[in-house]
Amino acid sequence: MTASAAVLRCSWANSDPLMTQYHDTEWGKPIRDSRLLWETLMLEGFQAGLSWRTILTRREGFRAAFQNFDPAVVAKFGPDDVERLMGDAGIIRARAKIEATIGGARAYLAMQDEGLSFSDFAWGFTGGKPIRGDGVALPAETPLSQEISKALKKRGFKFVGPVIVYAWMQAVGLVDDHAKGCFCRKR
């Protein structure tokens, strides 16, 4: 953890202004909106093998390409849409990740059809409250991320391995992994 403008943050948040802004305004804040939880999970899948900064710089491109991550719209994407997206320089052009996002939209809608919101599904694993990390260790995955990963895969989601799921859990506030002393840990 280092000081930036006399504010203590998680050390990774001091690498550049984009990461600082993301840390200060988004990362770790509990998200209860089902659509935004799903969008973030899909973006975490695109991040696999890349830096989160790469995804942040292209997030608006992703939102445009995937119709603001509206699951009802994305679920209807077909082969022509996949080809269109493969030519879109505003996103990560990985066919498997694009197809996983379309499949993820269908899985999301299937959950809705069962009467289960994506938010209730996600927060059900934590009893509705964020899990507070110790502020020191930053595991790549946990037994809980393994459990959620299995549950997501069972429902048809792809690119939701336990490491991706744990990064998602941190991003959407299911777990608070802000470092000890970070000003965001107190919120």
N, C-alpha and C. Protein backbone atom coordinates (compact mmCIF):
# COMPACT_ATOMS: atom_id res chain seq x y z
N MET A 1 0.85 -1.18 0.00
CA MET A 1 0.00 0.00 0.00
C MET A 1 0.89 1.23 0.00
N THR A 2 0.57 2.15 -0.86
CA THR A 2 1.34 3.39 -0.92
C THR A 2 0.40 4.57 -0.84
N ALA A 3 0.97 5.72 -0.59
CA ALA A 3 0.16 6.93 -0.51
C ALA A 3 0.13 7.60 -1.87
N SER A 4 -1.02 8.04 -2.25
CA SER A 4 -1.20 8.81 -3.48
C SER A 4 -2.09 9.98 -3.12
N ALA A 5 -1.53 11.19 -3.20
CA ALA A 5 -2.25 12.40 -2.80
C ALA A 5 -2.73 12.26 -1.35
N ALA A 6 -1.87 11.69 -0.49
CA ALA A 6 -2.13 11.54 0.94
C ALA A 6 -3.29 10.59 1.24
N VAL A 7 -3.71 9.81 0.26
CA VAL A 7 -4.77 8.84 0.47
C VAL A 7 -4.14 7.46 0.36
N LEU A 8 -4.38 6.62 1.36
CA LEU A 8 -3.87 5.26 1.31
C LEU A 8 -4.82 4.37 0.54
N ARG A 9 -4.26 3.61 -0.41
CA ARG A 9 -5.05 2.72 -1.25
C ARG A 9 -4.37 1.35 -1.29
N CYS A 10 -5.07 0.40 -1.87
CA CYS A 10 -4.46 -0.87 -2.22
C CYS A 10 -3.33 -0.56 -3.22
N SER A 11 -2.20 -1.24 -3.09
CA SER A 11 -1.03 -0.89 -3.90
C SER A 11 -1.29 -0.97 -5.39
N TRP A 12 -2.09 -1.93 -5.84
CA TRP A 12 -2.34 -2.06 -7.29
C TRP A 12 -3.08 -0.86 -7.86
N ALA A 13 -3.73 -0.10 -7.00
CA ALA A 13 -4.55 1.02 -7.47
C ALA A 13 -3.73 2.27 -7.76
N ASN A 14 -2.45 2.22 -7.50
CA ASN A 14 -1.61 3.38 -7.74
C ASN A 14 -0.84 3.30 -9.05
N SER A 15 -1.13 2.30 -9.88
CA SER A 15 -0.35 2.09 -11.10
C SER A 15 -0.62 3.14 -12.17
N ASP A 16 -1.83 3.63 -12.25
CA ASP A 16 -2.15 4.71 -13.19
C ASP A 16 -3.52 5.29 -12.84
N PRO A 17 -3.85 6.45 -13.40
CA PRO A 17 -5.10 7.12 -13.04
C PRO A 17 -6.37 6.29 -13.30
N LEU A 18 -6.38 5.50 -14.37
CA LEU A 18 -7.55 4.68 -14.66
C LEU A 18 -7.78 3.64 -13.57
N MET A 19 -6.70 2.99 -13.14
CA MET A 19 -6.83 2.00 -12.08
C MET A 19 -7.18 2.65 -10.75
N THR A 20 -6.65 3.83 -10.50
CA THR A 20 -6.97 4.56 -9.27
C THR A 20 -8.46 4.90 -9.24
N GLN A 21 -8.96 5.43 -10.34
CA GLN A 21 -10.39 5.77 -10.39
C GLN A 21 -11.26 4.54 -10.21
N TYR A 22 -10.91 3.47 -10.89
CA TYR A 22 -11.69 2.22 -10.76
C TYR A 22 -11.69 1.75 -9.30
N HIS A 23 -10.53 1.73 -8.69
CA HIS A 23 -10.42 1.32 -7.29
C HIS A 23 -11.28 2.20 -6.38
N ASP A 24 -11.15 3.50 -6.56
CA ASP A 24 -11.80 4.44 -5.65
C ASP A 24 -13.31 4.49 -5.82
N THR A 25 -13.81 4.20 -7.01
CA THR A 25 -15.24 4.39 -7.26
C THR A 25 -16.03 3.10 -7.48
N GLU A 26 -15.34 1.99 -7.80
CA GLU A 26 -16.08 0.77 -8.15
C GLU A 26 -15.64 -0.48 -7.41
N TRP A 27 -14.35 -0.78 -7.46
CA TRP A 27 -13.88 -2.09 -7.02
C TRP A 27 -14.24 -2.36 -5.57
N GLY A 28 -14.93 -3.45 -5.37
CA GLY A 28 -15.28 -3.86 -4.02
C GLY A 28 -16.56 -3.27 -3.46
N LYS A 29 -17.18 -2.36 -4.20
CA LYS A 29 -18.47 -1.83 -3.73
C LYS A 29 -19.55 -2.86 -4.04
N PRO A 30 -20.34 -3.23 -3.05
CA PRO A 30 -21.37 -4.24 -3.30
C PRO A 30 -22.37 -3.83 -4.38
N ILE A 31 -22.50 -4.70 -5.37
CA ILE A 31 -23.45 -4.50 -6.47
C ILE A 31 -24.60 -5.48 -6.26
N ARG A 32 -25.80 -4.97 -6.30
CA ARG A 32 -27.00 -5.81 -6.12
C ARG A 32 -27.80 -5.93 -7.41
N ASP A 33 -27.50 -5.12 -8.40
CA ASP A 33 -28.22 -5.12 -9.67
C ASP A 33 -27.83 -6.36 -10.48
N SER A 34 -28.80 -7.19 -10.81
CA SER A 34 -28.53 -8.45 -11.52
C SER A 34 -27.82 -8.23 -12.85
N ARG A 35 -28.29 -7.28 -13.62
CA ARG A 35 -27.70 -7.06 -14.93
C ARG A 35 -26.24 -6.60 -14.82
N LEU A 36 -25.97 -5.72 -13.88
CA LEU A 36 -24.60 -5.23 -13.70
C LEU A 36 -23.69 -6.34 -13.15
N LEU A 37 -24.22 -7.17 -12.27
CA LEU A 37 -23.44 -8.32 -11.79
C LEU A 37 -23.08 -9.22 -12.97
N TRP A 38 -24.03 -9.48 -13.85
CA TRP A 38 -23.80 -10.33 -15.01
C TRP A 38 -22.79 -9.67 -15.96
N GLU A 39 -22.96 -8.38 -16.24
CA GLU A 39 -22.02 -7.67 -17.10
C GLU A 39 -20.59 -7.81 -16.57
N THR A 40 -20.44 -7.61 -15.28
CA THR A 40 -19.11 -7.67 -14.69
C THR A 40 -18.53 -9.07 -14.79
N LEU A 41 -19.35 -10.09 -14.60
CA LEU A 41 -18.87 -11.46 -14.75
C LEU A 41 -18.43 -11.72 -16.19
N MET A 42 -19.19 -11.22 -17.16
CA MET A 42 -18.82 -11.42 -18.56
C MET A 42 -17.50 -10.70 -18.87
N LEU A 43 -17.34 -9.49 -18.35
CA LEU A 43 -16.08 -8.76 -18.57
C LEU A 43 -14.91 -9.47 -17.90
N GLU A 44 -15.13 -10.03 -16.73
CA GLU A 44 -14.06 -10.81 -16.07
C GLU A 44 -13.66 -11.99 -16.95
N GLY A 45 -14.62 -12.60 -17.63
CA GLY A 45 -14.29 -13.69 -18.55
C GLY A 45 -13.43 -13.21 -19.70
N PHE A 46 -13.72 -12.03 -20.23
CA PHE A 46 -12.90 -11.47 -21.30
C PHE A 46 -11.50 -11.14 -20.79
N GLN A 47 -11.38 -10.84 -19.51
CA GLN A 47 -10.09 -10.46 -18.95
C GLN A 47 -9.13 -11.64 -18.85
N ALA A 48 -9.62 -12.86 -18.87
CA ALA A 48 -8.76 -14.04 -18.70
C ALA A 48 -7.55 -13.96 -19.63
N GLY A 49 -6.37 -14.00 -19.04
CA GLY A 49 -5.13 -13.93 -19.80
C GLY A 49 -4.67 -12.52 -20.12
N LEU A 50 -5.43 -11.53 -19.70
CA LEU A 50 -5.11 -10.13 -19.97
C LEU A 50 -5.13 -9.35 -18.66
N SER A 51 -4.83 -8.07 -18.74
CA SER A 51 -4.91 -7.22 -17.55
C SER A 51 -6.31 -6.62 -17.44
N TRP A 52 -6.70 -6.31 -16.22
CA TRP A 52 -8.00 -5.67 -16.03
C TRP A 52 -7.98 -4.27 -16.65
N ARG A 53 -6.83 -3.64 -16.67
CA ARG A 53 -6.72 -2.32 -17.30
C ARG A 53 -7.13 -2.40 -18.77
N THR A 54 -6.74 -3.47 -19.45
CA THR A 54 -7.11 -3.66 -20.86
C THR A 54 -8.63 -3.67 -21.00
N ILE A 55 -9.30 -4.35 -20.09
CA ILE A 55 -10.76 -4.42 -20.14
C ILE A 55 -11.37 -3.05 -19.85
N LEU A 56 -10.84 -2.37 -18.83
CA LEU A 56 -11.38 -1.04 -18.49
C LEU A 56 -11.26 -0.07 -19.67
N THR A 57 -10.15 -0.11 -20.38
CA THR A 57 -9.99 0.82 -21.50
C THR A 57 -10.95 0.50 -22.64
N ARG A 58 -11.46 -0.71 -22.67
CA ARG A 58 -12.38 -1.11 -23.74
C ARG A 58 -13.82 -1.31 -23.25
N ARG A 59 -14.07 -1.01 -22.00
CA ARG A 59 -15.39 -1.29 -21.43
C ARG A 59 -16.52 -0.63 -22.22
N GLU A 60 -16.35 0.61 -22.62
CA GLU A 60 -17.42 1.26 -23.40
C GLU A 60 -17.60 0.59 -24.76
N GLY A 61 -16.50 0.12 -25.33
CA GLY A 61 -16.59 -0.64 -26.58
C GLY A 61 -17.37 -1.93 -26.39
N PHE A 62 -17.11 -2.61 -25.28
CA PHE A 62 -17.87 -3.83 -24.96
C PHE A 62 -19.34 -3.51 -24.78
N ARG A 63 -19.63 -2.44 -24.06
CA ARG A 63 -21.03 -2.08 -23.83
C ARG A 63 -21.75 -1.77 -25.14
N ALA A 64 -21.08 -1.08 -26.05
CA ALA A 64 -21.69 -0.80 -27.35
C ALA A 64 -21.87 -2.10 -28.14
N ALA A 65 -20.85 -2.93 -28.17
CA ALA A 65 -20.90 -4.17 -28.96
C ALA A 65 -21.95 -5.14 -28.44
N PHE A 66 -22.14 -5.18 -27.13
CA PHE A 66 -23.09 -6.11 -26.52
C PHE A 66 -24.37 -5.42 -26.05
N GLN A 67 -24.73 -4.34 -26.74
CA GLN A 67 -26.01 -3.66 -26.50
C GLN A 67 -26.23 -3.37 -25.02
N ASN A 68 -25.24 -2.75 -24.41
CA ASN A 68 -25.26 -2.40 -22.98
C ASN A 68 -25.47 -3.64 -22.10
N PHE A 69 -24.98 -4.76 -22.59
CA PHE A 69 -25.09 -6.03 -21.86
C PHE A 69 -26.54 -6.30 -21.44
N ASP A 70 -27.44 -6.11 -22.36
CA ASP A 70 -28.84 -6.46 -22.12
C ASP A 70 -28.98 -7.95 -22.42
N PRO A 71 -29.17 -8.79 -21.41
CA PRO A 71 -29.20 -10.23 -21.65
C PRO A 71 -30.27 -10.66 -22.66
N ALA A 72 -31.43 -9.98 -22.65
CA ALA A 72 -32.49 -10.35 -23.59
C ALA A 72 -32.07 -10.11 -25.03
N VAL A 73 -31.26 -9.11 -25.27
CA VAL A 73 -30.77 -8.81 -26.62
C VAL A 73 -29.61 -9.74 -26.97
N VAL A 74 -28.65 -9.86 -26.07
CA VAL A 74 -27.45 -10.66 -26.33
C VAL A 74 -27.82 -12.13 -26.54
N ALA A 75 -28.81 -12.62 -25.82
CA ALA A 75 -29.22 -14.03 -25.95
C ALA A 75 -29.70 -14.35 -27.37
N LYS A 76 -30.12 -13.34 -28.10
CA LYS A 76 -30.61 -13.54 -29.48
C LYS A 76 -29.51 -13.44 -30.53
N PHE A 77 -28.29 -13.12 -30.10
CA PHE A 77 -27.18 -13.03 -31.05
C PHE A 77 -26.97 -14.38 -31.70
N GLY A 78 -26.69 -14.34 -32.99
CA GLY A 78 -26.43 -15.56 -33.74
C GLY A 78 -25.08 -15.51 -34.42
N PRO A 79 -24.84 -16.43 -35.36
CA PRO A 79 -23.54 -16.50 -36.04
C PRO A 79 -23.12 -15.19 -36.72
N ASP A 80 -24.06 -14.46 -37.31
CA ASP A 80 -23.71 -13.19 -37.95
C ASP A 80 -23.22 -12.18 -36.92
N ASP A 81 -23.82 -12.20 -35.74
CA ASP A 81 -23.39 -11.30 -34.67
C ASP A 81 -22.00 -11.68 -34.18
N VAL A 82 -21.73 -12.97 -34.08
CA VAL A 82 -20.40 -13.41 -33.66
C VAL A 82 -19.36 -12.89 -34.66
N GLU A 83 -19.65 -13.02 -35.94
CA GLU A 83 -18.70 -12.54 -36.96
C GLU A 83 -18.54 -11.03 -36.89
N ARG A 84 -19.64 -10.32 -36.66
CA ARG A 84 -19.58 -8.86 -36.51
C ARG A 84 -18.67 -8.50 -35.34
N LEU A 85 -18.85 -9.19 -34.21
CA LEU A 85 -18.05 -8.92 -33.02
C LEU A 85 -16.59 -9.31 -33.22
N MET A 86 -16.34 -10.33 -34.01
CA MET A 86 -14.95 -10.73 -34.29
C MET A 86 -14.21 -9.64 -35.07
N GLY A 87 -14.95 -8.76 -35.74
CA GLY A 87 -14.35 -7.66 -36.47
C GLY A 87 -14.34 -6.35 -35.72
N ASP A 88 -14.82 -6.35 -34.49
CA ASP A 88 -14.96 -5.12 -33.70
C ASP A 88 -13.67 -4.85 -32.91
N ALA A 89 -12.92 -3.87 -33.35
CA ALA A 89 -11.64 -3.54 -32.69
C ALA A 89 -11.84 -2.91 -31.31
N GLY A 90 -13.06 -2.58 -30.94
CA GLY A 90 -13.33 -1.97 -29.65
C GLY A 90 -13.43 -2.97 -28.51
N ILE A 91 -13.36 -4.27 -28.83
CA ILE A 91 -13.46 -5.31 -27.80
C ILE A 91 -12.29 -6.29 -27.97
N ILE A 92 -12.25 -7.27 -27.10
CA ILE A 92 -11.30 -8.37 -27.24
C ILE A 92 -11.95 -9.36 -28.21
N ARG A 93 -11.30 -9.58 -29.32
CA ARG A 93 -11.90 -10.42 -30.37
C ARG A 93 -11.48 -11.89 -30.20
N ALA A 94 -12.08 -12.51 -29.22
CA ALA A 94 -11.84 -13.92 -28.94
C ALA A 94 -13.17 -14.65 -29.11
N ARG A 95 -13.25 -15.48 -30.13
CA ARG A 95 -14.51 -16.16 -30.46
C ARG A 95 -15.09 -16.92 -29.26
N ALA A 96 -14.26 -17.66 -28.56
CA ALA A 96 -14.78 -18.45 -27.43
C ALA A 96 -15.37 -17.55 -26.34
N LYS A 97 -14.76 -16.41 -26.11
CA LYS A 97 -15.27 -15.48 -25.09
C LYS A 97 -16.54 -14.79 -25.56
N ILE A 98 -16.61 -14.47 -26.83
CA ILE A 98 -17.83 -13.88 -27.39
C ILE A 98 -18.98 -14.88 -27.28
N GLU A 99 -18.71 -16.12 -27.69
CA GLU A 99 -19.75 -17.15 -27.62
C GLU A 99 -20.14 -17.44 -26.18
N ALA A 100 -19.17 -17.37 -25.26
CA ALA A 100 -19.48 -17.57 -23.84
C ALA A 100 -20.39 -16.46 -23.31
N THR A 101 -20.22 -15.25 -23.79
CA THR A 101 -21.07 -14.14 -23.37
C THR A 101 -22.50 -14.34 -23.86
N ILE A 102 -22.64 -14.78 -25.10
CA ILE A 102 -23.97 -15.07 -25.64
C ILE A 102 -24.62 -16.20 -24.85
N GLY A 103 -23.85 -17.26 -24.60
CA GLY A 103 -24.36 -18.35 -23.78
C GLY A 103 -24.67 -17.92 -22.36
N GLY A 104 -23.86 -17.00 -21.84
CA GLY A 104 -24.11 -16.47 -20.50
C GLY A 104 -25.40 -15.68 -20.43
N ALA A 105 -25.74 -14.99 -21.51
CA ALA A 105 -27.02 -14.27 -21.55
C ALA A 105 -28.18 -15.25 -21.52
N ARG A 106 -28.02 -16.33 -22.24
CA ARG A 106 -29.08 -17.36 -22.26
C ARG A 106 -29.22 -18.02 -20.89
N ALA A 107 -28.10 -18.29 -20.24
CA ALA A 107 -28.14 -18.88 -18.91
C ALA A 107 -28.77 -17.92 -17.90
N TYR A 108 -28.44 -16.64 -18.02
CA TYR A 108 -29.02 -15.60 -17.16
C TYR A 108 -30.54 -15.60 -17.30
N LEU A 109 -31.01 -15.62 -18.56
CA LEU A 109 -32.46 -15.59 -18.80
C LEU A 109 -33.13 -16.87 -18.31
N ALA A 110 -32.45 -18.01 -18.43
CA ALA A 110 -33.01 -19.26 -17.91
C ALA A 110 -33.19 -19.18 -16.40
N MET A 111 -32.26 -18.54 -15.72
CA MET A 111 -32.39 -18.36 -14.28
C MET A 111 -33.61 -17.48 -13.98
N GLN A 112 -33.76 -16.41 -14.75
CA GLN A 112 -34.92 -15.53 -14.57
C GLN A 112 -36.21 -16.31 -14.77
N ASP A 113 -36.23 -17.15 -15.80
CA ASP A 113 -37.42 -17.95 -16.08
C ASP A 113 -37.77 -18.89 -14.93
N GLU A 114 -36.75 -19.29 -14.17
CA GLU A 114 -36.95 -20.13 -12.99
C GLU A 114 -37.40 -19.31 -11.79
N GLY A 115 -37.40 -17.97 -11.93
CA GLY A 115 -37.77 -17.11 -10.82
C GLY A 115 -36.60 -16.76 -9.92
N LEU A 116 -35.39 -17.00 -10.40
CA LEU A 116 -34.19 -16.71 -9.62
C LEU A 116 -33.44 -15.56 -10.25
N SER A 117 -33.31 -14.46 -9.52
CA SER A 117 -32.54 -13.34 -10.06
C SER A 117 -31.06 -13.66 -9.93
N PHE A 118 -30.28 -13.09 -10.83
CA PHE A 118 -28.83 -13.31 -10.78
C PHE A 118 -28.26 -12.74 -9.48
N SER A 119 -28.83 -11.65 -9.01
CA SER A 119 -28.38 -11.06 -7.75
C SER A 119 -28.65 -12.01 -6.58
N ASP A 120 -29.85 -12.56 -6.51
CA ASP A 120 -30.15 -13.49 -5.41
C ASP A 120 -29.26 -14.72 -5.48
N PHE A 121 -28.99 -15.20 -6.70
CA PHE A 121 -28.09 -16.33 -6.89
C PHE A 121 -26.71 -16.00 -6.32
N ALA A 122 -26.15 -14.87 -6.75
CA ALA A 122 -24.79 -14.50 -6.33
C ALA A 122 -24.70 -14.25 -4.84
N TRP A 123 -25.58 -13.40 -4.33
CA TRP A 123 -25.51 -13.03 -2.92
C TRP A 123 -25.96 -14.16 -2.00
N GLY A 124 -26.66 -15.15 -2.55
CA GLY A 124 -27.05 -16.30 -1.75
C GLY A 124 -25.87 -17.09 -1.22
N PHE A 125 -24.73 -17.01 -1.92
CA PHE A 125 -23.53 -17.71 -1.48
C PHE A 125 -22.87 -17.06 -0.27
N THR A 126 -23.18 -15.80 -0.01
CA THR A 126 -22.55 -15.08 1.10
C THR A 126 -23.55 -14.70 2.19
N GLY A 127 -24.75 -15.23 2.10
CA GLY A 127 -25.77 -14.86 3.08
C GLY A 127 -26.22 -13.42 2.94
N GLY A 128 -25.99 -12.84 1.74
CA GLY A 128 -26.44 -11.48 1.47
C GLY A 128 -25.50 -10.39 1.94
N LYS A 129 -24.37 -10.78 2.53
CA LYS A 129 -23.43 -9.79 3.06
C LYS A 129 -22.04 -10.02 2.47
N PRO A 130 -21.28 -8.94 2.29
CA PRO A 130 -19.91 -9.12 1.82
C PRO A 130 -19.07 -9.90 2.83
N ILE A 131 -18.19 -10.73 2.31
CA ILE A 131 -17.22 -11.43 3.13
C ILE A 131 -16.01 -10.50 3.26
N ARG A 132 -15.55 -10.31 4.46
CA ARG A 132 -14.43 -9.40 4.68
C ARG A 132 -13.12 -10.18 4.71
N GLY A 133 -12.26 -9.89 3.73
CA GLY A 133 -10.93 -10.48 3.72
C GLY A 133 -10.11 -9.93 4.87
N ASP A 134 -8.93 -10.50 5.09
CA ASP A 134 -8.11 -10.07 6.22
C ASP A 134 -7.31 -8.81 5.93
N GLY A 135 -7.36 -8.33 4.67
CA GLY A 135 -6.64 -7.11 4.32
C GLY A 135 -5.17 -7.33 4.05
N VAL A 136 -4.75 -8.59 4.07
CA VAL A 136 -3.35 -8.92 3.83
C VAL A 136 -3.23 -9.89 2.65
N ALA A 137 -3.85 -11.04 2.80
CA ALA A 137 -3.77 -12.08 1.77
C ALA A 137 -4.72 -11.75 0.62
N LEU A 138 -4.26 -12.00 -0.58
CA LEU A 138 -5.11 -11.85 -1.77
C LEU A 138 -5.04 -13.17 -2.53
N PRO A 139 -5.89 -14.10 -2.15
CA PRO A 139 -5.85 -15.39 -2.83
C PRO A 139 -6.32 -15.28 -4.28
N ALA A 140 -5.85 -16.18 -5.11
CA ALA A 140 -6.30 -16.21 -6.51
C ALA A 140 -7.67 -16.87 -6.59
N GLU A 141 -7.94 -17.79 -5.69
CA GLU A 141 -9.23 -18.46 -5.62
C GLU A 141 -9.44 -18.94 -4.20
N THR A 142 -10.68 -19.29 -3.89
CA THR A 142 -11.02 -19.77 -2.57
C THR A 142 -11.98 -20.95 -2.72
N PRO A 143 -12.22 -21.69 -1.65
CA PRO A 143 -13.24 -22.74 -1.74
C PRO A 143 -14.60 -22.19 -2.19
N LEU A 144 -14.94 -20.98 -1.76
CA LEU A 144 -16.22 -20.41 -2.17
C LEU A 144 -16.22 -20.07 -3.66
N SER A 145 -15.12 -19.53 -4.18
CA SER A 145 -15.10 -19.24 -5.63
C SER A 145 -15.16 -20.54 -6.42
N GLN A 146 -14.60 -21.61 -5.89
CA GLN A 146 -14.71 -22.92 -6.54
C GLN A 146 -16.16 -23.39 -6.55
N GLU A 147 -16.85 -23.19 -5.45
CA GLU A 147 -18.26 -23.59 -5.35
C GLU A 147 -19.13 -22.78 -6.32
N ILE A 148 -18.92 -21.46 -6.36
CA ILE A 148 -19.71 -20.61 -7.26
C ILE A 148 -19.39 -20.95 -8.70
N SER A 149 -18.12 -21.20 -9.00
CA SER A 149 -17.71 -21.59 -10.35
C SER A 149 -18.46 -22.84 -10.80
N LYS A 150 -18.51 -23.85 -9.95
CA LYS A 150 -19.22 -25.09 -10.27
C LYS A 150 -20.70 -24.83 -10.50
N ALA A 151 -21.29 -23.99 -9.65
CA ALA A 151 -22.73 -23.69 -9.79
C ALA A 151 -23.01 -22.94 -11.09
N LEU A 152 -22.12 -22.01 -11.46
CA LEU A 152 -22.29 -21.27 -12.71
C LEU A 152 -22.14 -22.21 -13.91
N LYS A 153 -21.13 -23.06 -13.88
CA LYS A 153 -20.92 -24.00 -14.98
C LYS A 153 -22.10 -24.94 -15.13
N LYS A 154 -22.67 -25.37 -14.02
CA LYS A 154 -23.83 -26.26 -14.05
C LYS A 154 -25.01 -25.59 -14.75
N ARG A 155 -25.06 -24.26 -14.65
CA ARG A 155 -26.15 -23.51 -15.28
C ARG A 155 -25.82 -23.12 -16.72
N GLY A 156 -24.64 -23.50 -17.20
CA GLY A 156 -24.30 -23.26 -18.59
C GLY A 156 -23.34 -22.11 -18.86
N PHE A 157 -22.84 -21.46 -17.83
CA PHE A 157 -21.88 -20.37 -18.01
C PHE A 157 -20.51 -20.95 -18.36
N LYS A 158 -19.75 -20.19 -19.14
CA LYS A 158 -18.39 -20.56 -19.50
C LYS A 158 -17.46 -19.39 -19.17
N PHE A 159 -16.16 -19.67 -19.11
CA PHE A 159 -15.16 -18.69 -18.68
C PHE A 159 -15.49 -18.20 -17.27
N VAL A 160 -15.84 -19.14 -16.42
CA VAL A 160 -16.18 -18.84 -15.03
C VAL A 160 -15.43 -19.80 -14.10
N GLY A 161 -14.14 -19.99 -14.38
CA GLY A 161 -13.33 -20.80 -13.48
C GLY A 161 -13.19 -20.11 -12.14
N PRO A 162 -12.67 -20.81 -11.13
CA PRO A 162 -12.61 -20.25 -9.78
C PRO A 162 -11.74 -18.99 -9.65
N VAL A 163 -10.73 -18.83 -10.49
CA VAL A 163 -9.90 -17.62 -10.43
C VAL A 163 -10.68 -16.44 -10.99
N ILE A 164 -11.34 -16.62 -12.13
CA ILE A 164 -12.18 -15.57 -12.70
C ILE A 164 -13.30 -15.22 -11.73
N VAL A 165 -13.92 -16.23 -11.16
CA VAL A 165 -15.02 -15.98 -10.22
C VAL A 165 -14.54 -15.21 -9.00
N TYR A 166 -13.34 -15.54 -8.49
CA TYR A 166 -12.87 -14.79 -7.33
C TYR A 166 -12.60 -13.33 -7.67
N ALA A 167 -12.01 -13.08 -8.84
CA ALA A 167 -11.79 -11.69 -9.26
C ALA A 167 -13.12 -10.96 -9.37
N TRP A 168 -14.14 -11.65 -9.88
CA TRP A 168 -15.49 -11.07 -9.97
C TRP A 168 -16.05 -10.80 -8.58
N MET A 169 -15.88 -11.75 -7.67
CA MET A 169 -16.37 -11.57 -6.30
C MET A 169 -15.76 -10.32 -5.66
N GLN A 170 -14.47 -10.10 -5.90
CA GLN A 170 -13.80 -8.91 -5.39
C GLN A 170 -14.37 -7.65 -6.05
N ALA A 171 -14.52 -7.69 -7.36
CA ALA A 171 -14.96 -6.52 -8.11
C ALA A 171 -16.35 -6.06 -7.70
N VAL A 172 -17.26 -7.02 -7.48
CA VAL A 172 -18.66 -6.67 -7.20
C VAL A 172 -18.99 -6.62 -5.71
N GLY A 173 -17.96 -6.75 -4.88
CA GLY A 173 -18.17 -6.58 -3.45
C GLY A 173 -18.70 -7.79 -2.71
N LEU A 174 -18.74 -8.95 -3.35
CA LEU A 174 -19.12 -10.15 -2.60
C LEU A 174 -18.08 -10.43 -1.53
N VAL A 175 -16.86 -10.02 -1.82
CA VAL A 175 -15.78 -10.11 -0.85
C VAL A 175 -15.07 -8.75 -0.82
N ASP A 176 -14.72 -8.30 0.37
CA ASP A 176 -13.98 -7.05 0.53
C ASP A 176 -12.52 -7.41 0.77
N ASP A 177 -11.72 -7.26 -0.27
CA ASP A 177 -10.30 -7.56 -0.17
C ASP A 177 -9.44 -6.31 -0.21
N HIS A 178 -10.00 -5.17 0.14
CA HIS A 178 -9.17 -3.97 0.23
C HIS A 178 -8.11 -4.18 1.32
N ALA A 179 -6.94 -3.66 1.08
CA ALA A 179 -5.82 -3.81 2.00
C ALA A 179 -6.10 -3.09 3.32
N LYS A 180 -5.45 -3.59 4.37
CA LYS A 180 -5.53 -2.89 5.66
C LYS A 180 -5.01 -1.49 5.45
N GLY A 181 -5.71 -0.52 5.94
CA GLY A 181 -5.30 0.87 5.81
C GLY A 181 -5.86 1.56 4.57
N CYS A 182 -6.34 0.79 3.61
CA CYS A 182 -6.93 1.40 2.41
C CYS A 182 -8.21 2.15 2.81
N PHE A 183 -8.35 3.36 2.30
CA PHE A 183 -9.52 4.15 2.70
C PHE A 183 -10.83 3.49 2.28
N CYS A 184 -10.82 2.67 1.27
CA CYS A 184 -12.06 2.00 0.82
C CYS A 184 -12.48 0.87 1.75
N ARG A 185 -11.57 0.37 2.51
CA ARG A 185 -11.91 -0.72 3.43
C ARG A 185 -12.87 -0.24 4.51
N LYS A 186 -12.90 1.02 4.76
CA LYS A 186 -13.74 1.58 5.82
C LYS A 186 -15.17 1.87 5.37
N ARG A 187 -15.41 1.85 4.06
CA ARG A 187 -16.75 2.23 3.61
C ARG A 187 -17.76 1.15 3.80
